[in-house]
Amino acid sequence: SFGRRKLYQHWGGAADCYLIPIVCIKKRVIRYVCRVPALTTTNPLFKKTGVLKLNDVYRLQICKLMRNTTTGFDVEHNRFTLASSVHSHNTRFSKKMNFITERPRTRLGLNCFRYLGPKFWSSVPETFKNLKKDPFKFRYKNFLLNNYME
């Protein structure tokens, strides 16, 4: 489980020139499994089979790590600053258990966990953020699947 988690962290932030062939193969496989013609749109197929797209698998893995960070389970990534600890007055952003997103200095830093973790976590629905590990994973995966348009 830990090895797979690390793998998702690394290839998910890879350059598009490396990810596009993998995305194309994944789409080809999903069409083959569903026995549909080669030019069929894949969004309904991903939703029907319950398989996440490549970028959503990466998003799910990052959000699972951020969930562990908020519960204090993952000490390694304990370096994030909660928005509620920055100032004393309440804001909508700080009430939702969001972290401060630190802007990276380089373009390479745009793909690092330190930047993407808080960014992805702020897009997680507020009702999911306090869930335990397995319900969070299940409900957030279904949330991502429901975003696929028919």
Foldseek 3Di string as FASTA:
>chain_A
DVVVLVVLLPVLLDDPVVCVVVQLVVQQVLCVVVVHDPPDDCLVSCLVVLHDGSNVVSLLSLQLVLLCCLVVNDVVPVPWAQPCVPDPDDDPQNVLRATDADDDPDPSVCSHSSRVNRVSNSVPDSVLSPDDNVVSSVVVSNVNSVPRDD
